[in-house]
Protein backbone atom coordinates (compact mmCIF):
# COMPACT_ATOMS: atom_id res chain seq x y z
CA ILE A 1 4.59 7.21 2.92
CA LEU A 2 4.10 10.79 1.84
CA SER A 3 5.59 13.67 3.42
CA THR A 4 3.72 16.71 2.44
CA PRO A 5 3.06 20.18 3.67
CA SER A 6 0.26 18.66 5.67
CA PRO A 7 1.53 15.43 6.93
CA ILE A 8 -1.07 12.63 6.64
CA ILE A 9 -1.10 8.81 7.61
CA THR A 10 -3.21 7.12 5.08
CA ILE A 11 -4.47 3.55 5.09
CA PHE A 12 -6.10 2.56 1.87
CA PHE A 13 -7.68 -0.26 0.21
CA VAL A 14 -7.11 0.92 -3.43
CA SER A 15 -7.36 -0.55 -6.98
CA PHE A 16 -5.28 -3.53 -5.81
CA LEU A 17 -4.82 -2.80 -2.05
CA LEU A 18 -3.91 -0.87 0.73
CA VAL A 19 -2.18 2.43 1.40
CA LEU A 20 -0.32 4.01 3.89
CA SER A 21 0.50 7.82 3.32
CA SER A 22 1.93 11.69 4.98
CA SER A 23 1.94 10.35 4.60
CA ILE A 24 2.69 6.94 4.69
CA SER A 25 0.98 5.61 1.46
CA PRO A 26 1.00 2.90 -0.87
CA VAL A 27 -1.45 3.50 -3.85
CA LEU A 28 -1.71 1.91 -7.21
CA THR A 29 -3.01 3.41 -10.41
CA SER A 30 -5.75 1.44 -12.29
CA GLU A 31 -5.85 2.76 -15.81
CA THR A 32 -3.69 1.51 -18.64
CA LYS A 33 -3.10 3.50 -21.86
CA THR A 34 -3.35 2.25 -25.57
CA SER A 35 -1.75 3.90 -28.53
CA ASN A 36 -0.66 3.05 -31.81
CA GLN A 37 3.06 2.64 -32.03
CA THR A 38 5.78 2.67 -34.82
CA LEU A 39 8.40 0.23 -34.31
CA HIS A 40 11.97 1.23 -34.27
CA PRO A 41 14.39 -1.78 -33.80
CA GLY A 42 17.35 0.52 -32.70
CA LEU A 43 15.35 2.40 -30.40
CA GLU A 44 13.82 -0.61 -29.01
CA LEU A 45 17.07 -2.22 -28.51
CA GLN A 46 18.23 0.78 -26.52
CA LYS A 47 15.43 0.97 -24.47
CA LEU A 48 15.67 -2.92 -23.54
CA LYS A 49 19.32 -2.38 -22.41
CA ARG A 50 18.32 0.42 -20.13
CA VAL A 51 15.68 -1.78 -18.76
CA ARG A 52 18.07 -4.51 -18.05
CA ALA A 53 20.64 -2.15 -16.55
CA HIS A 54 17.79 -0.85 -14.30
CA LEU A 55 16.76 -4.57 -13.49
CA ARG A 56 20.40 -5.47 -12.41
CA LYS A 57 20.42 -2.43 -10.01
CA ILE A 58 17.01 -3.23 -8.45
CA ASN A 59 17.05 -7.07 -8.44
CA LYS A 60 19.68 -8.16 -5.92
CA PRO A 61 21.43 -11.39 -5.86
CA SER A 62 19.55 -14.08 -4.19
CA ILE A 63 20.37 -17.23 -2.00
CA LYS A 64 17.22 -18.93 -3.01
CA THR A 65 14.22 -18.29 -5.21
CA ILE A 66 10.71 -19.24 -4.55
CA LYS A 67 8.05 -19.54 -7.30
CA SER A 68 4.43 -18.34 -6.29
CA PRO A 69 1.55 -19.85 -7.65
CA ASP A 70 0.38 -16.76 -9.12
CA GLY A 71 3.62 -16.76 -11.34
CA ASP A 72 5.78 -14.30 -9.23
CA LEU A 73 9.38 -15.18 -8.36
CA ILE A 74 10.32 -14.45 -4.74
CA ASP A 75 14.12 -13.86 -4.22
CA CYS A 76 15.53 -14.50 -0.74
CA ILE A 77 18.19 -11.87 -0.47
CA LEU A 78 20.55 -10.99 2.42
CA THR A 79 19.14 -8.67 4.81
CA HIS A 80 22.05 -6.26 4.44
CA GLN A 81 21.99 -6.42 0.72
CA GLN A 82 18.48 -4.87 0.33
CA PRO A 83 17.81 -1.84 -1.81
CA ALA A 84 17.34 0.30 1.34
CA PHE A 85 21.33 0.40 2.07
CA ASP A 86 22.08 1.63 -1.24
CA HIS A 87 21.05 5.15 0.07
CA PRO A 88 23.99 7.11 0.95
CA GLN A 89 22.83 7.78 4.63
CA LEU A 90 22.37 4.06 5.17
CA LYS A 91 25.16 2.53 3.50
CA GLY A 92 26.99 0.00 5.96
CA GLN A 93 24.07 -0.09 8.26
CA LYS A 94 21.91 -2.98 9.55
CA PRO A 95 18.19 -3.04 10.43
CA LEU A 96 17.43 -1.82 13.80
CA ASP A 97 16.01 -4.24 16.60
CA PRO A 98 12.11 -4.00 16.95
CA PRO A 99 10.67 -0.91 18.86
CA GLU A 100 8.34 -0.89 21.80
CA ARG A 101 4.66 -1.40 20.37
CA PRO A 102 2.03 1.18 21.35
CA ASN A 103 0.33 0.55 24.54
CA GLY A 104 -3.09 -1.17 24.22
CA HIS A 105 -1.88 -3.07 21.08
CA ASN A 106 -2.28 -6.92 21.43
CA THR A 107 -0.09 -9.07 19.21
CA THR A 108 -0.28 -12.75 18.48
CA ASN A 109 2.77 -15.13 18.49
CA ALA A 110 4.33 -14.94 15.27
CA SER A 111 4.86 -18.50 15.11
CA THR A 112 1.17 -19.57 15.18
CA ILE A 113 0.20 -17.17 12.20
CA GLU A 114 -0.83 -18.61 9.12
CA SER A 115 0.21 -17.65 5.67
CA PHE A 116 -0.98 -14.35 4.36
CA GLN A 117 0.58 -14.34 0.79
CA LEU A 118 0.42 -16.67 -2.11
CA TRP A 119 4.12 -17.39 -2.46
CA ALA A 120 4.17 -18.87 1.10
CA THR A 121 1.16 -21.07 0.77
CA SER A 122 3.23 -24.17 -0.12
CA GLY A 123 5.16 -23.84 3.25
CA GLU A 124 8.31 -22.59 1.71
CA SER A 125 10.08 -19.60 3.42
CA CYS A 126 13.16 -17.53 3.17
CA PRO A 127 15.69 -18.48 5.93
CA GLN A 128 16.82 -15.98 8.77
CA GLY A 129 19.12 -13.28 7.64
CA THR A 130 17.47 -12.89 4.49
CA ILE A 131 14.11 -10.95 3.31
CA PRO A 132 11.69 -11.96 0.39
CA VAL A 133 11.57 -9.76 -2.39
CA ARG A 134 9.38 -9.92 -5.29
CA ARG A 135 11.51 -10.08 -8.44
CA THR A 136 10.98 -7.23 -10.96
CA THR A 137 10.84 -8.61 -14.67
CA GLU A 138 11.32 -6.80 -18.03
CA GLU A 139 7.53 -6.94 -18.48
CA ASP A 140 6.98 -4.88 -15.17
CA VAL A 141 9.17 -2.32 -16.27
CA LEU A 142 8.02 -2.36 -20.19
CA ARG A 143 4.44 -1.61 -19.00
CA ALA A 144 5.37 1.64 -17.71
CA SER A 145 5.55 4.67 -20.17
CA SER A 146 9.15 5.09 -19.13
CA ILE A 147 11.93 3.63 -16.92
CA ARG A 148 11.84 6.92 -15.02
CA ARG A 149 7.93 6.56 -14.22
CA PHE A 150 8.34 3.02 -13.23
CA GLY A 151 7.35 2.23 -9.84
CA ARG A 152 6.42 5.97 -9.32
CA LYS A 153 3.19 7.91 -9.03
CA LEU A 154 3.14 11.31 -10.36
CA ARG A 155 0.18 13.21 -9.12
CA LYS A 156 -1.07 15.82 -6.72
CA SER A 157 -1.04 14.81 -3.10
CA ILE A 158 -4.07 13.34 -1.56
CA ARG A 159 -6.70 15.92 -0.47
CA ARG A 160 -10.19 15.85 1.02
CA ASP A 161 -11.43 18.18 -1.62
CA SER A 162 -10.13 16.14 -4.65
CA SER A 163 -13.00 16.67 -7.04
CA SER A 164 -10.66 18.47 -9.50
CA SER A 165 -8.20 15.41 -9.43
CA ASP A 166 -8.46 12.23 -11.62
CA HIS A 167 -8.00 10.36 -8.22
CA GLU A 168 -11.32 9.74 -6.33
CA HIS A 169 -11.67 8.66 -2.86
CA ALA A 170 -14.13 7.38 -0.40
CA VAL A 171 -12.44 7.75 2.94
CA GLY A 172 -12.90 8.44 6.66
CA TYR A 173 -10.50 10.96 8.36
CA VAL A 174 -9.60 12.39 11.60
CA LEU A 175 -7.63 15.75 12.09
CA GLY A 176 -7.04 18.43 14.42
CA GLN A 177 -4.66 16.62 16.64
CA GLN A 178 -1.22 15.46 16.57
CA PHE A 179 -0.87 11.61 15.47
CA PHE A 180 1.91 9.34 15.72
CA GLY A 181 0.38 6.29 14.20
CA ALA A 182 -2.77 4.36 13.21
CA LYS A 183 -4.38 1.08 12.96
CA ALA A 184 -7.28 -0.62 11.07
CA SER A 185 -8.40 -3.93 10.03
CA LEU A 186 -9.60 -4.30 6.36
CA ASN A 187 -11.13 -7.10 4.34
CA VAL A 188 -9.51 -8.10 0.99
CA TRP A 189 -11.22 -8.42 -2.30
CA THR A 190 -10.09 -8.75 -5.84
CA PRO A 191 -11.82 -5.50 -7.52
CA ARG A 192 -12.11 -5.26 -11.24
CA VAL A 193 -9.07 -2.79 -12.45
CA SER A 194 -6.83 -2.16 -15.06
CA PRO A 195 -3.30 -3.60 -13.90
CA GLU A 196 -0.23 -1.60 -14.80
CA LEU A 197 2.43 -2.04 -12.09
CA TYR A 198 2.04 -5.81 -11.70
CA GLY A 199 0.23 -6.91 -14.71
CA ASP A 200 -2.46 -8.85 -12.99
CA SER A 201 -5.45 -8.37 -10.61
CA HIS A 202 -4.21 -10.04 -7.60
CA PRO A 203 -4.88 -8.00 -4.45
CA ARG A 204 -1.38 -7.05 -2.97
CA PHE A 205 0.13 -5.87 0.00
CA PHE A 206 2.31 -2.77 -1.06
CA THR A 207 3.90 0.46 0.45
CA TYR A 208 4.63 3.86 -1.03
CA TRP A 209 6.30 6.69 0.23
CA THR A 210 7.41 10.21 -0.90
CA THR A 211 8.77 13.12 0.75
CA ASP A 212 7.82 16.11 -1.61
CA ALA A 213 4.19 15.39 -2.58
CA TYR A 214 5.14 13.05 -5.58
CA GLN A 215 7.26 15.67 -7.31
CA ALA A 216 10.54 13.97 -7.19
CA THR A 217 11.01 11.37 -4.74
CA GLY A 218 9.25 8.31 -3.73
CA CYS A 219 8.45 4.73 -5.15
CA TYR A 220 6.47 1.49 -4.45
CA ASN A 221 7.64 -1.24 -2.12
CA LEU A 222 11.53 -1.82 -2.28
CA LEU A 223 12.03 -0.33 -5.64
CA CYS A 224 14.38 2.32 -4.50
CA SER A 225 16.32 2.95 -1.25
CA GLY A 226 14.27 4.12 1.65
CA PHE A 227 11.93 1.40 3.54
CA ILE A 228 14.19 -0.98 5.52
CA GLN A 229 12.66 -4.62 5.78
CA THR A 230 13.23 -6.70 8.66
CA ASN A 231 10.78 -9.68 8.27
CA ASN A 232 11.54 -12.77 6.33
CA ARG A 233 8.01 -13.98 5.96
CA ILE A 234 6.36 -10.96 4.06
CA ALA A 235 7.10 -10.06 0.54
CA ILE A 236 6.09 -6.32 -0.06
CA GLY A 237 4.28 -6.20 -3.39
CA ALA A 238 3.24 -10.00 -3.29
CA ALA A 239 -0.33 -11.33 -3.66
CA ILE A 240 -2.72 -11.78 -0.58
CA SER A 241 -4.45 -14.92 0.11
CA PRO A 242 -7.15 -15.84 1.06
CA ILE A 243 -9.67 -13.23 -0.31
CA SER A 244 -13.27 -12.37 0.46
CA SER A 245 -16.30 -13.50 -1.48
CA TYR A 246 -19.55 -11.87 -2.21
CA ARG A 247 -22.25 -13.49 0.00
CA GLY A 248 -19.30 -15.70 1.29
CA ARG A 249 -16.44 -15.80 3.79
CA GLN A 250 -14.75 -12.67 4.68
CA PHE A 251 -11.14 -12.31 5.19
CA ASP A 252 -9.50 -9.22 6.47
CA ILE A 253 -6.05 -8.15 7.58
CA SER A 254 -4.75 -5.62 10.06
CA ILE A 255 -2.24 -2.69 9.29
CA LEU A 256 -0.48 -0.63 11.98
CA VAL A 257 1.91 2.19 11.14
CA TRP A 258 3.56 4.09 14.16
CA LYS A 259 6.42 6.18 15.06
CA ASP A 260 8.93 4.77 17.57
CA PRO A 261 9.09 7.27 20.25
CA LYS A 262 12.80 6.69 21.09
CA ARG A 263 14.44 6.81 17.57
CA GLY A 264 11.69 8.53 15.50
CA HIS A 265 11.33 6.11 12.55
CA TRP A 266 8.12 4.85 11.33
CA TRP A 267 7.45 1.09 11.68
CA LEU A 268 5.02 -0.93 9.59
CA GLU A 269 3.35 -4.23 11.24
CA PHE A 270 1.30 -6.48 8.96
CA GLY A 271 -1.27 -8.86 10.46
CA PRO A 272 -1.26 -9.79 13.94
CA GLY A 273 2.24 -9.13 15.20
CA LEU A 274 4.34 -9.55 12.10
CA LEU A 275 6.73 -6.35 11.87
CA VAL A 276 7.70 -5.88 8.22
CA GLY A 277 10.13 -2.80 8.49
CA TYR A 278 10.53 0.82 8.87
CA TRP A 279 10.96 4.09 7.16
CA PRO A 280 13.93 6.02 8.66
CA SER A 281 12.82 9.35 9.90
CA PHE A 282 15.54 11.11 7.80
CA ILE A 283 13.71 10.62 4.61
CA PHE A 284 10.77 12.82 5.66
CA SER A 285 10.34 16.60 6.47
CA GLN A 286 7.03 17.05 8.17
CA LEU A 287 6.75 13.53 9.44
CA ARG A 288 10.01 13.75 11.29
CA ASN A 289 7.56 15.08 14.02
CA HIS A 290 4.08 13.73 13.71
CA ALA A 291 0.86 13.80 11.35
CA ASN A 292 -2.00 16.00 11.65
CA MET A 293 -4.40 13.86 9.71
CA VAL A 294 -5.14 10.30 9.36
CA GLN A 295 -7.08 8.92 6.56
CA PHE A 296 -8.66 5.37 5.99
CA GLY A 297 -10.53 4.32 2.77
CA GLY A 298 -10.31 3.63 -0.91
CA GLU A 299 -8.89 5.39 -3.99
CA ILE A 300 -9.24 5.02 -7.66
CA VAL A 301 -7.85 6.58 -10.76
CA ASN A 302 -10.35 7.89 -13.11
CA THR A 303 -8.84 9.20 -16.45
CA ARG A 304 -12.54 9.10 -18.14
CA PRO A 305 -11.43 6.76 -20.91
CA SER A 306 -13.52 7.19 -24.19
CA GLY A 307 -14.96 10.05 -22.24
CA PHE A 308 -16.94 7.94 -19.82
CA HIS A 309 -16.24 7.40 -15.94
CA THR A 310 -13.87 4.51 -15.45
CA ALA A 311 -15.47 1.01 -14.59
CA THR A 312 -12.66 0.37 -12.07
CA GLN A 313 -14.23 -0.97 -8.93
CA MET A 314 -13.32 0.22 -5.42
CA GLY A 315 -13.22 -2.43 -2.81
CA SER A 316 -15.57 -5.26 -3.63
CA GLY A 317 -17.08 -3.37 -6.35
CA HIS A 318 -20.27 -2.83 -4.36
CA PHE A 319 -21.87 0.24 -2.55
CA ALA A 320 -21.70 0.54 1.12
CA GLY A 321 -25.40 0.15 1.92
CA GLU A 322 -25.15 -3.49 0.72
CA GLY A 323 -23.26 -4.23 4.18
CA PHE A 324 -21.47 -7.22 5.56
CA GLY A 325 -20.57 -9.97 3.17
CA LYS A 326 -21.22 -7.71 0.13
CA ALA A 327 -19.43 -4.40 0.68
CA SER A 328 -15.88 -3.83 1.73
CA TYR A 329 -15.18 -2.36 5.13
CA PHE A 330 -12.74 -0.96 7.57
CA ARG A 331 -13.01 -1.92 11.05
CA ASN A 332 -11.43 -0.98 14.61
CA LEU A 333 -10.20 2.24 13.52
CA GLN A 334 -7.49 3.52 15.76
CA VAL A 335 -4.76 6.22 16.08
CA VAL A 336 -1.62 6.51 18.20
CA ASP A 337 -1.26 9.63 20.52
CA TRP A 338 1.80 11.53 21.69
CA ASP A 339 2.37 9.03 24.66
CA ASN A 340 2.52 5.96 22.28
CA ASN A 341 -0.94 4.98 23.36
CA LEU A 342 -3.32 3.18 20.80
CA LEU A 343 -6.84 4.97 21.20
CA PRO A 344 -10.23 4.55 19.19
CA THR A 345 -10.68 7.26 16.82
CA SER A 346 -12.92 10.06 17.87
CA ASN A 347 -14.93 12.53 15.60
CA ILE A 348 -14.11 10.68 12.41
CA ARG A 349 -15.57 12.16 9.34
CA LEU A 350 -16.56 10.47 6.16
CA THR A 351 -16.56 11.70 2.64
CA ALA A 352 -16.87 10.45 -0.72
CA ASP A 353 -15.71 12.48 -3.80
CA HIS A 354 -18.54 11.11 -6.07
CA SER A 355 -21.12 9.06 -4.09
CA ASN A 356 -22.93 8.03 -7.33
CA CYS A 357 -19.73 6.08 -8.18
CA TYR A 358 -18.39 5.11 -4.91
CA ASP A 359 -19.81 5.77 -1.44
CA ILE A 360 -19.21 5.33 2.32
CA ARG A 361 -21.20 4.77 5.50
CA GLY A 362 -20.09 4.43 8.83
CA GLY A 363 -21.15 3.15 12.40
CA ASN A 364 -19.82 2.03 15.85
CA ASN A 365 -20.39 -1.35 17.97
CA ASN A 366 -18.74 -3.16 20.70
CA ALA A 367 -17.11 -5.83 18.28
CA TRP A 368 -16.02 -3.58 15.65
CA GLY A 369 -15.34 -0.11 17.23
CA ASN A 370 -15.37 2.70 14.81
CA TYR A 371 -16.11 0.99 11.37
CA PHE A 372 -17.32 1.92 7.84
CA TYR A 373 -18.24 0.36 4.50
CA TYR A 374 -17.30 1.72 1.46
CA GLY A 375 -16.83 1.22 -2.35
CA GLY A 376 -18.87 1.07 -5.50
CA PRO A 377 -18.72 -0.31 -9.24
CA GLY A 378 -17.55 2.82 -10.70
CA ARG A 379 -19.30 3.60 -14.13
CA ASN A 380 -22.98 2.82 -13.60
CA VAL A 381 -26.32 4.50 -14.73
CA ARG A 382 -26.02 7.18 -12.11
CA CYS A 383 -22.25 7.73 -12.91
CA PRO A 384 -21.95 7.94 -16.44
């Protein structure tokens, strides 16, 4: 979630996966940096001490730990001990009860939902009264250039005319109205990227929020106080399973973000009916009222390594024209209006910053409503 001078709600399938921004936005960078480094044992020891102190702050005591097949450790921590309640305005509070869903939103009985994440495929789960949290490791923090930059994105806010930025987009967007939420289904792929935050290439469900366009606030997942998690079945930042395959089976997930009309908080729903939690309204400026733009689509980071365009893939790594089973898609694009009604998007506009690298094509039908295919391979003969 980002709160910028022009509040936006954005749902992205990025280098790893999804983004929500105003924004309400989770996005991952995709280029790692290499350099020749001289070892200074004293400085390295000081850095390691700072890293471990930071880990003690963000990794809360757990009552149970589950090892995921991908190597992640998922800690079950007491709900009232989650990082959100370290915030001065949230100390001593407890998560709120679920709000009223938008009108026209159909949910599935949560007890019938199969696992969407690798850590839960064994059938293990966190008990009631706890939330699953991906444990942050020393290696996670050391991959960042500094503790200050760990878990943060320092960049300009998302724009439609972002050709001057090293962030490239292929997005559909609507504007010109007051928006109080958005929903879409997007299929899950494993694009080729250069991992930084997680150290692997698994597609992950993550969130990101900022109140000042990435200047001083904001972070991924639960790495700082802000987002309040209420669900004991979804670990934010954990790997998603299953994934789509080229010319094979396609798997997608639904994401809904909307503003509770009574209390004003922004809630997040993952899959058919799983409320994940909410961003308290007080952490935002513009989004305390509404958004005036909604974006859906993909984003990558292009730092032009070695002087060439990045080979980071977007979506499936294939262009939109290849269609179903080959290209990545968003379908059933919807927005929430002032009266808490979930409605199909109208007058959606499509744009790609560099269509020779990543492109986008849209359509509409009875089964998928408004939809688009998007993505691409990055560096190729037409994208040097």
